Amino acid sequence: MTKHLYLSLIPEALIASQLEPEEFGAYYAVGFEKKTQGQAAFFDLDPTFRDPFFSIDAALLRCVPHSDGKPKRSVYISVYRVVEHVPLSAIQRLYLTTKDGRTLGVDRAASIAPDESGLHLYQEIAPLSPLVASTLGPISFHQFLTKKDGPLSVPCLSWTELRLGELASNPELGAIRDLPYENIDHLRSCLAQLKTKTVTTKLVERLHTKGFSYRTLKTGLYYGTREGLALFQMPQTETLQEKHYQWWRSANL
């Protein structure tokens, strides 16, 4: 059986498994005992990836089939400071799993579009998890947070950009429409303050949940290190409806 290395973002962990990505997503999000655990987001890593911070080879030795022949579902390698030790070169594909265990594979985009003007809303996922409003586009946001001498510097960060609709240009009066965010008045206030202050980022929620609604994704999921930035771009809505309808329906429940 093939042995996979999975970098889980929700929660942050490095895991060895004999399950294929779709099977692992269902197991990780729901569990075979049908005890709901919530959505999952994880990367399939290059199986040859190694870093002295992790005892990967020792974990792989324990990742063997059970006595009845069933595959080993998971062997936890690390749950601490994982993301900062996984380079972009080790990441192969992103998988997003809904709460009921349906998994969508997402490829890395060939390029990242230049930053757009206006306001942005970022859900940080790992290793940090606040909800942040910013005047910085994704590329500038990445540079701001990973700069070595920056006041808020981190070696690596995974995050998503969430849709703001009309609030991106008119936070005070823009229509909410289908945006599902809680405490919308507070969000409006944070966005409006960015238009008048010299700061480029503002915390909307300091301890925001790491989960997020897939339908609120503006572009996809970013993974940035000091060596570079990658975007795993969500397919267009039409593509999801036509080719991944069951996942899309589940993601919108």
Protein backbone atom coordinates (compact mmCIF):
# COMPACT_ATOMS: atom_id res chain seq x y z
CA MET A 1 0.00 0.00 0.00
CA THR A 2 1.15 3.53 -0.77
CA LYS A 3 2.23 5.58 2.20
CA HIS A 4 1.23 9.24 2.11
CA LEU A 5 2.48 12.23 4.05
CA TYR A 6 -0.33 14.68 4.79
CA LEU A 7 0.10 18.20 6.12
CA SER A 8 -3.14 18.97 7.91
CA LEU A 9 -4.05 22.65 8.35
CA ILE A 10 -7.25 22.13 10.40
CA PRO A 11 -5.79 21.28 12.88
CA GLU A 12 -2.06 21.72 12.16
CA ALA A 13 -0.36 18.33 12.02
CA LEU A 14 1.93 16.09 9.96
CA ILE A 15 0.42 12.65 9.46
CA ALA A 16 1.44 9.45 7.69
CA SER A 17 -1.38 7.37 6.23
CA GLN A 18 -2.08 4.48 3.87
CA LEU A 19 -5.40 6.04 2.88
CA GLU A 20 -5.73 7.80 -0.47
CA PRO A 21 -6.58 11.53 -0.22
CA GLU A 22 -10.35 11.12 -0.68
CA GLU A 23 -10.46 8.32 1.89
CA PHE A 24 -8.26 10.24 4.29
CA GLY A 25 -10.46 13.33 3.95
CA ALA A 26 -13.58 11.35 4.86
CA TYR A 27 -11.81 9.67 7.78
CA TYR A 28 -10.33 12.93 9.07
CA ALA A 29 -13.50 15.00 8.78
CA VAL A 30 -16.12 12.47 9.85
CA GLY A 31 -14.37 9.39 11.20
CA PHE A 32 -15.42 5.83 10.51
CA GLU A 33 -17.54 5.83 13.66
CA LYS A 34 -19.64 8.67 12.13
CA LYS A 35 -18.77 11.10 14.88
CA THR A 36 -18.83 14.51 13.22
CA GLN A 37 -15.58 16.39 13.64
CA GLY A 38 -15.85 19.18 11.06
CA GLN A 39 -14.23 20.21 7.80
CA ALA A 40 -10.64 19.38 6.92
CA ALA A 41 -7.98 21.04 4.77
CA PHE A 42 -4.73 19.24 4.06
CA PHE A 43 -1.86 18.96 1.59
CA ASP A 44 -0.51 15.78 0.05
CA LEU A 45 3.28 16.04 0.37
CA ASP A 46 6.13 14.65 -1.69
CA PRO A 47 6.68 11.19 -0.13
CA THR A 48 10.45 11.76 -0.22
CA PHE A 49 10.18 14.90 1.93
CA ARG A 50 12.33 14.80 5.04
CA ASP A 51 13.32 17.39 7.63
CA PRO A 52 15.40 16.77 10.78
CA PHE A 53 12.64 18.41 12.84
CA PHE A 54 10.37 15.41 12.11
CA SER A 55 10.85 11.69 12.79
CA ILE A 56 9.28 10.76 9.47
CA ASP A 57 11.09 7.50 8.79
CA ALA A 58 10.22 6.15 12.25
CA ALA A 59 6.56 7.00 11.67
CA LEU A 60 6.55 5.32 8.25
CA LEU A 61 7.84 2.11 9.85
CA ARG A 62 4.69 2.11 12.00
CA CYS A 63 2.44 2.94 9.05
CA VAL A 64 1.64 -0.65 8.08
CA PRO A 65 -1.64 -2.52 7.48
CA HIS A 66 -3.59 -3.93 10.41
CA SER A 67 -3.64 -7.67 11.03
CA ASP A 68 -6.88 -7.95 9.06
CA GLY A 69 -5.28 -6.26 6.03
CA LYS A 70 -7.02 -2.91 6.43
CA PRO A 71 -4.81 0.14 5.76
CA LYS A 72 -3.34 2.17 8.58
CA ARG A 73 -5.44 5.31 8.74
CA SER A 74 -3.07 7.66 10.53
CA VAL A 75 0.25 7.85 12.30
CA TYR A 76 0.82 11.28 13.81
CA ILE A 77 4.34 12.55 13.21
CA SER A 78 4.00 16.02 14.76
CA VAL A 79 1.37 18.48 15.95
CA TYR A 80 3.77 21.28 16.90
CA ARG A 81 5.47 23.88 14.66
CA VAL A 82 4.66 21.82 11.60
CA VAL A 83 3.94 24.41 8.90
CA GLU A 84 7.18 26.34 9.42
CA HIS A 85 9.19 23.22 8.59
CA VAL A 86 7.39 22.27 5.36
CA PRO A 87 8.76 24.09 2.28
CA LEU A 88 6.76 24.91 -0.83
CA SER A 89 8.79 22.36 -2.79
CA ALA A 90 7.31 19.51 -0.71
CA ILE A 91 3.67 20.39 -1.37
CA GLN A 92 1.93 18.55 -4.19
CA ARG A 93 -1.83 19.21 -3.94
CA LEU A 94 -4.43 20.73 -1.64
CA TYR A 95 -7.53 18.83 -0.54
CA LEU A 96 -10.62 20.47 0.96
CA THR A 97 -13.09 18.22 2.76
CA THR A 98 -16.62 19.18 3.76
CA LYS A 99 -18.14 18.40 7.14
CA ASP A 100 -19.78 15.26 5.76
CA GLY A 101 -16.55 13.95 4.26
CA ARG A 102 -16.61 14.91 0.57
CA THR A 103 -13.16 15.87 -0.70
CA LEU A 104 -12.10 18.20 -3.53
CA GLY A 105 -8.55 18.25 -4.90
CA VAL A 106 -7.16 21.68 -5.79
CA ASP A 107 -4.03 22.24 -7.88
CA ARG A 108 -1.46 24.98 -7.49
CA ALA A 109 -2.05 27.96 -9.76
CA ALA A 110 0.57 28.60 -12.44
CA SER A 111 0.77 32.24 -11.34
CA ILE A 112 -0.77 34.73 -8.92
CA ALA A 113 -2.59 37.79 -10.22
CA PRO A 114 -1.19 41.20 -9.21
CA ASP A 115 -2.65 42.73 -6.07
CA GLU A 116 -5.94 44.59 -6.45
CA SER A 117 -6.71 47.89 -4.76
CA GLY A 118 -9.42 48.07 -2.14
CA LEU A 119 -9.95 46.29 1.15
CA HIS A 120 -9.30 42.61 1.85
CA LEU A 121 -10.39 40.06 4.45
CA TYR A 122 -8.03 37.23 5.35
CA GLN A 123 -8.69 34.12 7.42
CA GLU A 124 -5.34 32.89 8.70
CA ILE A 125 -5.34 29.13 9.19
CA ALA A 126 -1.94 27.85 10.32
CA PRO A 127 0.07 28.38 12.40
CA LEU A 128 -1.93 31.52 13.33
CA SER A 129 -5.73 31.79 13.16
CA PRO A 130 -7.03 35.38 13.49
CA LEU A 131 -9.42 37.03 11.06
CA VAL A 132 -7.66 40.07 9.58
CA ALA A 133 -8.79 43.03 7.49
CA SER A 134 -6.14 44.68 5.35
CA THR A 135 -5.41 47.22 2.64
CA LEU A 136 -2.71 44.85 1.35
CA GLY A 137 -3.35 42.45 -1.50
CA PRO A 138 -2.28 38.80 -1.07
CA ILE A 139 1.25 39.26 -2.43
CA SER A 140 1.94 42.31 -0.26
CA PHE A 141 0.26 40.65 2.73
CA HIS A 142 2.61 37.68 2.34
CA GLN A 143 5.66 39.95 2.13
CA PHE A 144 4.51 41.93 5.17
CA LEU A 145 4.11 38.86 7.38
CA THR A 146 7.17 36.87 6.31
CA LYS A 147 9.73 39.69 6.22
CA LYS A 148 12.46 38.68 8.68
CA ASP A 149 12.76 42.07 10.34
CA GLY A 150 9.01 42.76 10.39
CA PRO A 151 7.19 43.38 13.69
CA LEU A 152 4.75 40.51 13.05
CA SER A 153 7.11 38.20 11.18
CA VAL A 154 6.35 34.48 10.81
CA PRO A 155 8.44 31.97 8.80
CA CYS A 156 5.41 30.48 7.09
CA LEU A 157 1.67 31.09 6.92
CA SER A 158 -1.34 29.48 5.29
CA TRP A 159 -4.46 31.61 4.79
CA THR A 160 -7.46 32.30 2.58
CA GLU A 161 -8.90 35.51 1.21
CA LEU A 162 -12.63 35.80 1.87
CA ARG A 163 -15.17 37.63 -0.27
CA LEU A 164 -16.17 41.15 0.79
CA GLY A 165 -18.35 42.11 -2.15
CA GLU A 166 -19.37 45.75 -1.96
CA LEU A 167 -17.69 46.12 1.44
CA ALA A 168 -14.30 46.07 -0.29
CA SER A 169 -14.91 49.53 -1.67
CA ASN A 170 -17.72 50.84 0.54
CA PRO A 171 -17.53 49.28 4.02
CA GLU A 172 -19.98 51.73 5.57
CA LEU A 173 -22.88 51.40 3.11
CA GLY A 174 -22.07 48.44 0.86
CA ALA A 175 -24.78 45.78 0.61
CA ILE A 176 -24.22 42.56 2.57
CA ARG A 177 -26.14 40.36 0.12
CA ASP A 178 -25.12 36.73 0.70
CA LEU A 179 -22.08 37.34 2.94
CA PRO A 180 -22.49 35.02 5.96
CA TYR A 181 -20.18 36.77 8.43
CA GLU A 182 -21.23 37.27 12.05
CA ASN A 183 -21.07 40.66 13.77
CA ILE A 184 -21.22 42.50 10.46
CA ASP A 185 -21.29 45.93 12.15
CA HIS A 186 -17.91 45.22 13.74
CA LEU A 187 -16.51 44.09 10.39
CA ARG A 188 -17.77 47.28 8.74
CA SER A 189 -16.10 49.34 11.47
CA CYS A 190 -12.74 47.57 11.08
CA LEU A 191 -12.77 48.01 7.32
CA ALA A 192 -13.78 51.66 7.59
CA GLN A 193 -10.96 52.39 10.04
CA LEU A 194 -8.40 51.08 7.55
CA LYS A 195 -9.46 53.80 5.13
CA THR A 196 -8.51 56.55 7.57
CA LYS A 197 -5.54 55.10 9.50
CA THR A 198 -1.92 54.64 8.46
CA VAL A 199 -1.85 50.95 9.46
CA THR A 200 -2.27 48.32 6.74
CA THR A 201 -3.86 45.53 8.80
CA LYS A 202 -6.43 45.31 11.59
CA LEU A 203 -7.59 42.34 13.64
CA VAL A 204 -11.28 41.62 13.21
CA GLU A 205 -11.25 38.60 15.52
CA ARG A 206 -8.17 37.65 17.52
CA LEU A 207 -9.13 34.02 18.11
CA HIS A 208 -11.27 33.30 15.09
CA THR A 209 -12.16 29.67 14.41
CA LYS A 210 -9.90 27.98 11.87
CA GLY A 211 -12.89 26.73 9.93
CA PHE A 212 -14.39 28.78 7.12
CA SER A 213 -17.20 28.57 4.61
CA TYR A 214 -15.89 27.34 1.26
CA ARG A 215 -18.39 29.50 -0.60
CA THR A 216 -16.81 32.63 0.88
CA LEU A 217 -13.42 31.96 -0.74
CA LYS A 218 -12.49 34.73 -3.14
CA THR A 219 -9.57 32.96 -4.80
CA GLY A 220 -8.39 29.89 -2.93
CA LEU A 221 -5.85 29.00 -0.28
CA TYR A 222 -2.39 30.57 -0.01
CA TYR A 223 0.74 28.97 1.39
CA GLY A 224 3.63 31.35 1.86
CA THR A 225 7.17 30.95 3.18
CA ARG A 226 10.14 33.30 3.10
CA GLU A 227 11.15 31.55 -0.11
CA GLY A 228 7.92 32.17 -2.00
CA LEU A 229 4.12 32.16 -2.22
CA ALA A 230 1.74 29.63 -3.78
CA LEU A 231 -1.97 29.88 -4.50
CA PHE A 232 -4.12 26.78 -4.69
CA GLN A 233 -6.92 28.31 -6.70
CA MET A 234 -10.52 27.21 -6.39
CA PRO A 235 -12.26 26.24 -9.63
CA GLN A 236 -14.94 28.60 -10.92
CA THR A 237 -18.44 28.10 -9.50
CA GLU A 238 -19.70 26.82 -12.85
CA THR A 239 -16.98 24.16 -12.91
CA LEU A 240 -17.77 23.07 -9.36
CA GLN A 241 -21.47 22.79 -10.17
CA GLU A 242 -20.86 20.82 -13.38
CA LYS A 243 -17.97 18.54 -12.39
CA HIS A 244 -18.03 18.44 -8.59
CA TYR A 245 -21.70 18.89 -7.82
CA GLN A 246 -21.86 16.62 -4.76
CA TRP A 247 -18.93 18.42 -3.15
CA TRP A 248 -20.34 21.85 -4.03
CA ARG A 249 -23.78 20.96 -2.68
CA SER A 250 -22.24 19.67 0.54
CA ALA A 251 -20.02 22.77 0.87
CA ASN A 252 -23.07 25.03 0.67
CA LEU A 253 -25.20 23.29 3.28
